[in-house]
Amino acid sequence: MDENTVNRTKAAINALIDIEQLWIENTPDYNLSTQELLVLKKRLERAMENISKIYEENRTKMQAAEEEIKKIHEGKRKK
């Protein structure tokens, strides 16, 4: 993976950690304030944007890896 992918992954994870913290702070009723809802919206958008970019930029590599693993498993079954 390249540096951009690593940085986007870190940003997405951090956004998800922020989201989790919001939920923890609002247990058990999860009634978020207007300000908290805005924070949630922004963190979700950041996570989705970064995850989409990571997926799209690495789709070919991931599909090639998947195909390689399938061939390895098929080879083991034939033996």
Protein backbone atom coordinates (compact mmCIF):
# COMPACT_ATOMS: atom_id res chain seq x y z
CA MET A 1 0.00 0.00 0.00
CA ASP A 2 1.12 3.52 -0.60
CA GLU A 3 1.38 6.35 1.91
CA ASN A 4 -1.97 7.89 0.88
CA THR A 5 -3.77 4.63 1.58
CA VAL A 6 -2.15 4.30 4.98
CA ASN A 7 -3.03 7.90 5.87
CA ARG A 8 -6.62 7.48 4.70
CA THR A 9 -6.91 4.28 6.70
CA LYS A 10 -5.69 6.06 9.83
CA ALA A 11 -8.14 8.94 9.22
CA ALA A 12 -11.05 6.54 8.74
CA ILE A 13 -10.15 4.62 11.90
CA ASN A 14 -9.83 7.84 13.88
CA ALA A 15 -13.24 9.00 12.64
CA LEU A 16 -14.76 5.68 13.71
CA ILE A 17 -13.11 5.98 17.13
CA ASP A 18 -14.66 9.45 17.48
CA ILE A 19 -18.05 7.98 16.57
CA GLU A 20 -17.65 5.21 19.12
CA GLN A 21 -16.77 7.78 21.77
CA LEU A 22 -19.97 9.70 21.01
CA TRP A 23 -21.98 6.51 21.56
CA ILE A 24 -20.14 5.70 24.78
CA GLU A 25 -20.77 9.18 26.14
CA ASN A 26 -24.47 8.90 25.34
CA THR A 27 -25.15 5.43 26.75
CA PRO A 28 -27.79 4.18 27.49
CA ASP A 29 -30.27 6.51 25.75
CA TYR A 30 -28.20 7.66 22.73
CA ASN A 31 -30.00 10.98 22.59
CA LEU A 32 -27.41 13.09 20.81
CA SER A 33 -27.53 16.85 21.09
CA THR A 34 -27.68 18.97 17.96
CA GLN A 35 -23.94 19.63 18.27
CA GLU A 36 -23.20 15.93 18.74
CA LEU A 37 -25.32 15.06 15.71
CA LEU A 38 -23.30 17.51 13.63
CA VAL A 39 -20.05 15.95 14.87
CA LEU A 40 -21.45 12.49 14.10
CA LYS A 41 -22.40 13.58 10.58
CA LYS A 42 -18.94 15.00 9.88
CA ARG A 43 -17.14 11.94 11.28
CA LEU A 44 -19.33 9.56 9.29
CA GLU A 45 -18.73 11.57 6.12
CA ARG A 46 -14.97 11.51 6.71
CA ALA A 47 -14.95 7.77 7.37
CA MET A 48 -17.09 7.02 4.29
CA GLU A 49 -15.03 9.27 2.04
CA ASN A 50 -11.73 7.74 3.11
CA ILE A 51 -13.03 4.17 2.95
CA SER A 52 -14.42 4.77 -0.55
CA LYS A 53 -11.10 6.20 -1.73
CA ILE A 54 -9.13 3.34 -0.19
CA TYR A 55 -11.43 0.80 -1.84
CA GLU A 56 -11.44 2.42 -5.26
CA GLU A 57 -7.69 3.07 -5.35
CA ASN A 58 -6.89 -0.51 -4.35
CA ARG A 59 -9.73 -2.41 -6.01
CA THR A 60 -7.56 -3.93 -8.74
CA LYS A 61 -4.90 -5.09 -6.28
CA MET A 62 -7.50 -6.56 -3.92
CA GLN A 63 -9.29 -8.38 -6.75
CA ALA A 64 -5.97 -9.78 -7.99
CA ALA A 65 -5.17 -10.98 -4.46
CA GLU A 66 -8.60 -12.59 -4.21
CA GLU A 67 -8.11 -14.41 -7.50
CA GLU A 68 -4.66 -15.58 -6.42
CA ILE A 69 -6.06 -16.99 -3.17
CA LYS A 70 -8.86 -18.75 -5.07
CA LYS A 71 -6.29 -20.40 -7.37
CA ILE A 72 -4.23 -21.53 -4.38
CA HIS A 73 -7.31 -23.08 -2.75
CA GLU A 74 -8.38 -24.74 -6.00
CA GLY A 75 -4.88 -26.20 -6.38
CA LYS A 76 -5.07 -27.66 -2.87
CA ARG A 77 -8.46 -29.26 -3.59
CA LYS A 78 -7.19 -30.98 -6.72
CA LYS A 79 -4.38 -32.72 -4.83
